[in-house]
Amino acid sequence: MTKSELIDAVARRSKITKSRAEQVVNCIFDTMTASLERGEGIEIRGFGSFTVRKYKSYNGRNPRTGQTVPVPPKRLPFFKVGKELKELVNDESDEPSTP
């Protein structure tokens, strides 16, 4: 699903205009992004949680040349799926049966 498809779905389900649905979706994403920038976690029960993981610097390797390249420390967003979503995705009734 793309962002525009998400906006269409929000507009349809909540019976609002697409422009208003776009504002809602952008507001949610902007708020989530700002929270992660501050290093705060986001927890959406039944869906999952977003956290920021810190990684130390290390020496990597350029795959083309084989040269050692220093990689600076970084912070990256990490998503952990919630139990309910995991169960929905892994629902065995949607899979074809095996003989």
N, C-alpha and C. Protein backbone atom coordinates (compact mmCIF):
# COMPACT_ATOMS: atom_id res chain seq x y z
N MET A 1 0.85 -1.17 0.00
CA MET A 1 0.00 0.00 0.00
C MET A 1 0.89 1.23 0.00
N THR A 2 0.58 2.16 -0.87
CA THR A 2 1.31 3.41 -0.94
C THR A 2 0.62 4.46 -0.07
N LYS A 3 1.30 5.59 0.12
CA LYS A 3 0.72 6.66 0.92
C LYS A 3 -0.57 7.17 0.29
N SER A 4 -0.59 7.30 -1.04
CA SER A 4 -1.81 7.78 -1.70
C SER A 4 -2.96 6.77 -1.55
N GLU A 5 -2.65 5.48 -1.56
CA GLU A 5 -3.68 4.47 -1.33
C GLU A 5 -4.20 4.54 0.10
N LEU A 6 -3.31 4.82 1.04
CA LEU A 6 -3.72 4.98 2.44
C LEU A 6 -4.64 6.19 2.58
N ILE A 7 -4.30 7.28 1.92
CA ILE A 7 -5.14 8.48 1.97
C ILE A 7 -6.52 8.18 1.39
N ASP A 8 -6.56 7.47 0.27
CA ASP A 8 -7.85 7.09 -0.34
C ASP A 8 -8.68 6.24 0.63
N ALA A 9 -8.03 5.28 1.29
CA ALA A 9 -8.74 4.41 2.23
C ALA A 9 -9.28 5.19 3.41
N VAL A 10 -8.49 6.12 3.94
CA VAL A 10 -8.95 6.94 5.07
C VAL A 10 -10.13 7.80 4.65
N ALA A 11 -10.05 8.39 3.46
CA ALA A 11 -11.15 9.22 2.95
C ALA A 11 -12.43 8.40 2.79
N ARG A 12 -12.30 7.22 2.22
CA ARG A 12 -13.46 6.36 2.01
C ARG A 12 -14.09 5.91 3.33
N ARG A 13 -13.25 5.41 4.23
CA ARG A 13 -13.77 4.83 5.48
C ARG A 13 -14.33 5.88 6.43
N SER A 14 -13.77 7.07 6.42
CA SER A 14 -14.24 8.10 7.35
C SER A 14 -15.18 9.10 6.68
N LYS A 15 -15.40 8.91 5.36
CA LYS A 15 -16.32 9.75 4.60
C LYS A 15 -15.94 11.23 4.69
N ILE A 16 -14.63 11.50 4.48
CA ILE A 16 -14.14 12.87 4.41
C ILE A 16 -13.48 13.06 3.04
N THR A 17 -13.17 14.30 2.71
CA THR A 17 -12.55 14.57 1.42
C THR A 17 -11.12 14.03 1.40
N LYS A 18 -10.61 13.81 0.20
CA LYS A 18 -9.24 13.32 0.07
C LYS A 18 -8.24 14.32 0.62
N SER A 19 -8.49 15.61 0.42
CA SER A 19 -7.56 16.60 0.93
C SER A 19 -7.53 16.60 2.46
N ARG A 20 -8.68 16.41 3.07
CA ARG A 20 -8.73 16.33 4.54
C ARG A 20 -8.06 15.04 5.02
N ALA A 21 -8.28 13.95 4.32
CA ALA A 21 -7.65 12.67 4.68
C ALA A 21 -6.13 12.79 4.54
N GLU A 22 -5.67 13.51 3.52
CA GLU A 22 -4.22 13.71 3.35
C GLU A 22 -3.65 14.49 4.53
N GLN A 23 -4.38 15.50 5.00
CA GLN A 23 -3.94 16.27 6.16
C GLN A 23 -3.84 15.37 7.39
N VAL A 24 -4.82 14.49 7.57
CA VAL A 24 -4.82 13.57 8.72
C VAL A 24 -3.61 12.63 8.65
N VAL A 25 -3.41 12.01 7.50
CA VAL A 25 -2.29 11.07 7.34
C VAL A 25 -0.96 11.79 7.53
N ASN A 26 -0.80 12.96 6.93
CA ASN A 26 0.45 13.72 7.08
C ASN A 26 0.68 14.13 8.53
N CYS A 27 -0.38 14.50 9.23
CA CYS A 27 -0.26 14.87 10.64
C CYS A 27 0.23 13.69 11.48
N ILE A 28 -0.33 12.52 11.22
CA ILE A 28 0.09 11.32 11.96
C ILE A 28 1.55 11.01 11.68
N PHE A 29 1.94 11.00 10.41
CA PHE A 29 3.33 10.68 10.06
C PHE A 29 4.29 11.73 10.60
N ASP A 30 3.92 13.01 10.53
CA ASP A 30 4.78 14.07 11.04
C ASP A 30 4.97 13.94 12.55
N THR A 31 3.90 13.62 13.26
CA THR A 31 3.98 13.46 14.71
C THR A 31 4.85 12.25 15.08
N MET A 32 4.69 11.16 14.34
CA MET A 32 5.50 9.97 14.60
C MET A 32 6.98 10.26 14.31
N THR A 33 7.25 10.94 13.21
CA THR A 33 8.62 11.27 12.84
C THR A 33 9.27 12.16 13.90
N ALA A 34 8.55 13.17 14.35
CA ALA A 34 9.08 14.07 15.38
C ALA A 34 9.37 13.32 16.67
N SER A 35 8.51 12.39 17.03
CA SER A 35 8.72 11.61 18.24
C SER A 35 9.99 10.75 18.13
N LEU A 36 10.18 10.12 16.97
CA LEU A 36 11.37 9.29 16.77
C LEU A 36 12.64 10.15 16.71
N GLU A 37 12.54 11.35 16.13
CA GLU A 37 13.69 12.26 16.10
C GLU A 37 14.14 12.62 17.50
N ARG A 38 13.19 12.74 18.43
CA ARG A 38 13.52 13.05 19.83
C ARG A 38 14.00 11.81 20.59
N GLY A 39 14.00 10.66 19.93
CA GLY A 39 14.45 9.43 20.58
C GLY A 39 13.36 8.74 21.37
N GLU A 40 12.12 9.20 21.23
CA GLU A 40 11.00 8.60 21.95
C GLU A 40 10.46 7.41 21.17
N GLY A 41 9.89 6.46 21.87
CA GLY A 41 9.27 5.31 21.24
C GLY A 41 7.80 5.57 20.97
N ILE A 42 7.25 4.78 20.08
CA ILE A 42 5.83 4.86 19.74
C ILE A 42 5.26 3.46 19.89
N GLU A 43 4.17 3.33 20.64
CA GLU A 43 3.54 2.03 20.83
C GLU A 43 2.08 2.12 20.40
N ILE A 44 1.72 1.27 19.45
CA ILE A 44 0.33 1.19 18.99
C ILE A 44 -0.14 -0.22 19.30
N ARG A 45 -0.92 -0.35 20.34
CA ARG A 45 -1.36 -1.68 20.83
C ARG A 45 -2.02 -2.48 19.72
N GLY A 46 -1.63 -3.73 19.61
CA GLY A 46 -2.19 -4.62 18.60
C GLY A 46 -1.53 -4.49 17.25
N PHE A 47 -0.76 -3.42 17.04
CA PHE A 47 -0.09 -3.19 15.75
C PHE A 47 1.40 -3.40 15.88
N GLY A 48 2.04 -2.66 16.79
CA GLY A 48 3.47 -2.79 16.99
C GLY A 48 4.06 -1.56 17.64
N SER A 49 5.37 -1.55 17.74
CA SER A 49 6.04 -0.41 18.36
C SER A 49 7.24 0.00 17.52
N PHE A 50 7.48 1.31 17.53
CA PHE A 50 8.63 1.89 16.86
C PHE A 50 9.58 2.39 17.92
N THR A 51 10.85 2.07 17.79
CA THR A 51 11.87 2.57 18.69
C THR A 51 13.05 3.06 17.85
N VAL A 52 13.97 3.76 18.51
CA VAL A 52 15.19 4.19 17.86
C VAL A 52 16.33 3.38 18.45
N ARG A 53 17.06 2.70 17.58
CA ARG A 53 18.21 1.92 18.03
C ARG A 53 19.49 2.66 17.69
N LYS A 54 20.42 2.63 18.64
CA LYS A 54 21.72 3.28 18.44
C LYS A 54 22.74 2.23 18.03
N TYR A 55 23.54 2.58 17.03
CA TYR A 55 24.58 1.69 16.55
C TYR A 55 25.93 2.39 16.69
N LYS A 56 26.92 1.68 17.18
CA LYS A 56 28.26 2.23 17.35
C LYS A 56 28.96 2.30 16.00
N SER A 57 30.02 3.08 15.94
CA SER A 57 30.81 3.15 14.71
C SER A 57 31.56 1.83 14.55
N TYR A 58 31.88 1.52 13.30
CA TYR A 58 32.63 0.30 13.00
C TYR A 58 33.33 0.47 11.66
N ASN A 59 34.21 -0.43 11.37
CA ASN A 59 34.90 -0.42 10.08
C ASN A 59 34.18 -1.37 9.14
N GLY A 60 33.62 -0.80 8.07
CA GLY A 60 32.95 -1.60 7.06
C GLY A 60 33.89 -1.87 5.90
N ARG A 61 33.36 -2.48 4.86
CA ARG A 61 34.16 -2.80 3.70
C ARG A 61 33.40 -2.41 2.44
N ASN A 62 34.08 -1.69 1.55
CA ASN A 62 33.50 -1.33 0.27
C ASN A 62 33.44 -2.61 -0.57
N PRO A 63 32.23 -3.04 -0.99
CA PRO A 63 32.12 -4.31 -1.72
C PRO A 63 32.79 -4.28 -3.10
N ARG A 64 32.93 -3.11 -3.71
CA ARG A 64 33.57 -3.03 -5.03
C ARG A 64 35.09 -3.14 -4.95
N THR A 65 35.65 -2.36 -4.01
CA THR A 65 37.11 -2.28 -3.96
C THR A 65 37.71 -3.15 -2.86
N GLY A 66 36.91 -3.52 -1.87
CA GLY A 66 37.43 -4.29 -0.75
C GLY A 66 38.13 -3.43 0.29
N GLN A 67 38.17 -2.11 0.08
CA GLN A 67 38.82 -1.22 1.03
C GLN A 67 38.01 -1.09 2.31
N THR A 68 38.71 -0.92 3.42
CA THR A 68 38.06 -0.68 4.70
C THR A 68 37.55 0.76 4.73
N VAL A 69 36.30 0.92 5.19
CA VAL A 69 35.67 2.23 5.23
C VAL A 69 35.11 2.45 6.63
N PRO A 70 35.47 3.60 7.27
CA PRO A 70 34.88 3.85 8.60
C PRO A 70 33.41 4.21 8.47
N VAL A 71 32.57 3.58 9.29
CA VAL A 71 31.14 3.87 9.31
C VAL A 71 30.85 4.58 10.63
N PRO A 72 30.32 5.80 10.56
CA PRO A 72 30.09 6.57 11.80
C PRO A 72 28.94 5.98 12.63
N PRO A 73 28.87 6.34 13.90
CA PRO A 73 27.73 5.89 14.71
C PRO A 73 26.43 6.45 14.15
N LYS A 74 25.35 5.73 14.35
CA LYS A 74 24.07 6.19 13.81
C LYS A 74 22.92 5.72 14.68
N ARG A 75 21.78 6.36 14.46
CA ARG A 75 20.53 5.97 15.11
C ARG A 75 19.55 5.64 13.99
N LEU A 76 18.88 4.50 14.11
CA LEU A 76 17.94 4.08 13.08
C LEU A 76 16.61 3.66 13.70
N PRO A 77 15.50 3.95 13.02
CA PRO A 77 14.21 3.50 13.53
C PRO A 77 14.09 1.98 13.38
N PHE A 78 13.42 1.37 14.34
CA PHE A 78 13.22 -0.08 14.34
C PHE A 78 11.75 -0.35 14.67
N PHE A 79 11.14 -1.27 13.93
CA PHE A 79 9.74 -1.63 14.15
C PHE A 79 9.66 -3.05 14.67
N LYS A 80 8.91 -3.23 15.75
CA LYS A 80 8.65 -4.57 16.28
C LYS A 80 7.16 -4.82 16.17
N VAL A 81 6.80 -5.86 15.44
CA VAL A 81 5.39 -6.16 15.18
C VAL A 81 4.69 -6.60 16.48
N GLY A 82 3.43 -6.20 16.62
CA GLY A 82 2.64 -6.59 17.77
C GLY A 82 2.07 -7.99 17.61
N LYS A 83 1.67 -8.58 18.72
CA LYS A 83 1.18 -9.95 18.73
C LYS A 83 -0.05 -10.12 17.84
N GLU A 84 -1.02 -9.21 17.95
CA GLU A 84 -2.26 -9.35 17.17
C GLU A 84 -2.00 -9.25 15.68
N LEU A 85 -1.16 -8.31 15.26
CA LEU A 85 -0.84 -8.16 13.85
C LEU A 85 -0.08 -9.39 13.34
N LYS A 86 0.83 -9.89 14.14
CA LYS A 86 1.59 -11.07 13.76
C LYS A 86 0.65 -12.26 13.54
N GLU A 87 -0.33 -12.41 14.43
CA GLU A 87 -1.28 -13.51 14.29
C GLU A 87 -2.16 -13.33 13.05
N LEU A 88 -2.57 -12.11 12.76
CA LEU A 88 -3.38 -11.85 11.56
C LEU A 88 -2.61 -12.18 10.29
N VAL A 89 -1.35 -11.78 10.24
CA VAL A 89 -0.52 -12.03 9.06
C VAL A 89 -0.24 -13.52 8.89
N ASN A 90 -0.08 -14.21 10.01
CA ASN A 90 0.25 -15.63 9.96
C ASN A 90 -0.97 -16.54 10.07
N ASP A 91 -2.15 -15.99 9.87
CA ASP A 91 -3.37 -16.78 9.95
C ASP A 91 -3.31 -17.93 8.96
N GLU A 92 -3.34 -19.13 9.45
CA GLU A 92 -3.17 -20.32 8.59
C GLU A 92 -4.36 -20.56 7.67
N SER A 93 -5.51 -19.95 7.94
CA SER A 93 -6.68 -20.18 7.08
C SER A 93 -6.50 -19.55 5.70
N ASP A 94 -5.57 -18.57 5.57
CA ASP A 94 -5.33 -17.93 4.27
C ASP A 94 -4.34 -18.69 3.41
N GLU A 95 -3.61 -19.63 4.01
CA GLU A 95 -2.62 -20.37 3.25
C GLU A 95 -3.23 -21.57 2.57
N PRO A 96 -2.69 -21.93 1.39
CA PRO A 96 -3.21 -23.13 0.72
C PRO A 96 -2.87 -24.37 1.55
N SER A 97 -3.80 -25.31 1.56
CA SER A 97 -3.57 -26.52 2.35
C SER A 97 -2.60 -27.44 1.60
N THR A 98 -1.79 -28.17 2.39
CA THR A 98 -0.86 -29.12 1.82
C THR A 98 -1.39 -30.52 2.01
N PRO A 99 -1.14 -31.41 1.04
CA PRO A 99 -1.67 -32.78 1.14
C PRO A 99 -1.03 -33.60 2.21
